[in-house]
Amino acid sequence: MIDVERFRVLLEEERGRKVALLKALRSDITSVSLARQDSNVDDEHDPEGTTIAFELSQASALLEQSRVGLEQIEAALQRISDGTYGICAVCGVVIPDGRLEARPWTPYCVSHASGKQ
């Protein structure tokens, strides 16, 4: 039997970390964008380091990855509320605790995790 409350706590803690990370990434993107607007430096040809465009691209990718992760966590918390947490969305079998400990937001058992079956 799945200890749903333990996983709810794990998910809520992870949600808090994701929300904080999203806030920090948005702030970083805003800061870099503002710095770029106020500067006429040609950083695209600066051999000393990364470009502002690269930093923005990297931060944007992290922002998207974190946003998707937050959506997965929210969906898992909804499954807890619905009483379907820990049950594979494809085949309906109980997802093993070990898998839920590694990926508490997963809606799939190991067999269906790759999406190939």
Protein backbone atom coordinates (compact mmCIF):
# COMPACT_ATOMS: atom_id res chain seq x y z
CA MET A 1 0.00 0.00 0.00
CA ILE A 2 1.30 3.42 -0.97
CA ASP A 3 2.01 5.93 1.81
CA VAL A 4 0.26 8.77 -0.01
CA GLU A 5 0.87 11.32 2.74
CA ARG A 6 4.63 10.76 2.59
CA PHE A 7 4.56 11.36 -1.16
CA ARG A 8 2.31 14.41 -0.73
CA VAL A 9 4.96 15.94 1.55
CA LEU A 10 7.74 15.11 -0.95
CA LEU A 11 5.75 16.63 -3.80
CA GLU A 12 4.86 19.77 -1.86
CA GLU A 13 8.53 20.27 -0.91
CA GLU A 14 9.56 19.82 -4.54
CA ARG A 15 6.82 22.22 -5.63
CA GLY A 16 8.25 24.83 -3.26
CA ARG A 17 11.73 24.37 -4.73
CA LYS A 18 10.39 24.64 -8.29
CA VAL A 19 8.40 27.79 -7.52
CA ALA A 20 11.49 29.40 -5.98
CA LEU A 21 13.63 28.34 -8.93
CA LEU A 22 11.11 29.71 -11.43
CA LYS A 23 11.07 33.04 -9.59
CA ALA A 24 14.87 33.21 -9.58
CA LEU A 25 15.13 32.28 -13.28
CA ARG A 26 12.54 34.89 -14.25
CA SER A 27 14.49 37.47 -12.28
CA ASP A 28 17.75 36.44 -13.95
CA ILE A 29 16.20 36.63 -17.41
CA THR A 30 14.78 40.05 -16.65
CA SER A 31 18.14 41.29 -15.33
CA VAL A 32 20.08 40.01 -18.33
CA SER A 33 17.50 41.42 -20.73
CA LEU A 34 17.65 44.83 -19.05
CA ALA A 35 21.45 44.78 -19.10
CA ARG A 36 21.35 43.95 -22.78
CA GLN A 37 19.01 46.88 -23.53
CA ASP A 38 21.19 49.36 -21.66
CA SER A 39 24.40 48.27 -23.35
CA ASN A 40 25.76 48.69 -26.83
CA VAL A 41 28.51 46.13 -26.25
CA ASP A 42 29.04 43.63 -29.05
CA ASP A 43 29.22 40.58 -26.81
CA GLU A 44 28.65 38.23 -29.73
CA HIS A 45 32.31 38.63 -30.66
CA ASP A 46 33.80 38.74 -27.16
CA PRO A 47 36.39 35.96 -26.85
CA GLU A 48 36.46 36.29 -23.06
CA GLY A 49 33.25 34.53 -22.20
CA THR A 50 29.69 33.57 -22.90
CA THR A 51 27.38 35.88 -24.73
CA ILE A 52 24.28 37.48 -23.32
CA ALA A 53 22.28 35.63 -25.98
CA PHE A 54 23.73 32.31 -24.78
CA GLU A 55 22.95 33.14 -21.14
CA LEU A 56 19.39 34.09 -22.06
CA SER A 57 18.98 30.91 -24.07
CA GLN A 58 20.28 28.79 -21.21
CA ALA A 59 18.09 30.51 -18.61
CA SER A 60 15.05 30.22 -20.88
CA ALA A 61 15.63 26.48 -21.34
CA LEU A 62 15.94 26.01 -17.57
CA LEU A 63 12.79 28.07 -17.07
CA GLU A 64 10.82 25.87 -19.48
CA GLN A 65 12.19 22.67 -17.93
CA SER A 66 11.23 23.89 -14.45
CA ARG A 67 7.78 24.98 -15.63
CA VAL A 68 7.12 21.51 -17.06
CA GLY A 69 8.40 19.92 -13.84
CA LEU A 70 6.03 22.09 -11.80
CA GLU A 71 3.12 21.02 -14.02
CA GLN A 72 4.03 17.36 -13.42
CA ILE A 73 4.13 17.94 -9.67
CA GLU A 74 0.78 19.73 -9.73
CA ALA A 75 -0.71 16.84 -11.72
CA ALA A 76 0.63 14.32 -9.18
CA LEU A 77 -0.87 16.31 -6.31
CA GLN A 78 -4.17 16.33 -8.18
CA ARG A 79 -3.96 12.53 -8.55
CA ILE A 80 -3.49 12.32 -4.79
CA SER A 81 -6.65 14.39 -4.34
CA ASP A 82 -8.49 12.23 -6.88
CA GLY A 83 -7.36 8.99 -5.23
CA THR A 84 -5.49 7.78 -8.32
CA TYR A 85 -1.93 8.53 -7.21
CA GLY A 86 0.49 5.65 -7.64
CA ILE A 87 -1.58 3.90 -10.28
CA CYS A 88 -0.19 3.69 -13.81
CA ALA A 89 -2.18 5.91 -16.18
CA VAL A 90 -1.76 3.34 -18.97
CA CYS A 91 -2.28 -0.11 -17.46
CA GLY A 92 -3.74 0.61 -14.02
CA VAL A 93 -1.17 -1.35 -12.01
CA VAL A 94 0.25 0.01 -8.78
CA ILE A 95 3.52 1.87 -9.35
CA PRO A 96 6.25 0.44 -7.08
CA ASP A 97 7.37 2.59 -4.14
CA GLY A 98 10.93 2.62 -5.45
CA ARG A 99 9.83 4.27 -8.67
CA LEU A 100 7.67 6.78 -6.78
CA GLU A 101 10.59 7.60 -4.49
CA ALA A 102 12.80 8.30 -7.50
CA ARG A 103 10.10 10.19 -9.45
CA PRO A 104 7.18 10.98 -7.14
CA TRP A 105 5.40 12.90 -9.93
CA THR A 106 5.37 10.00 -12.40
CA PRO A 107 2.00 8.77 -13.70
CA TYR A 108 3.55 5.62 -15.24
CA CYS A 109 4.85 2.27 -14.12
CA VAL A 110 8.33 1.21 -15.28
CA SER A 111 6.89 -0.70 -18.25
CA HIS A 112 5.11 2.38 -19.59
CA ALA A 113 7.65 5.03 -18.61
CA SER A 114 9.27 5.08 -22.04
CA GLY A 115 5.97 5.41 -23.88
CA LYS A 116 6.91 2.55 -26.22
CA GLN A 117 4.30 0.10 -25.00
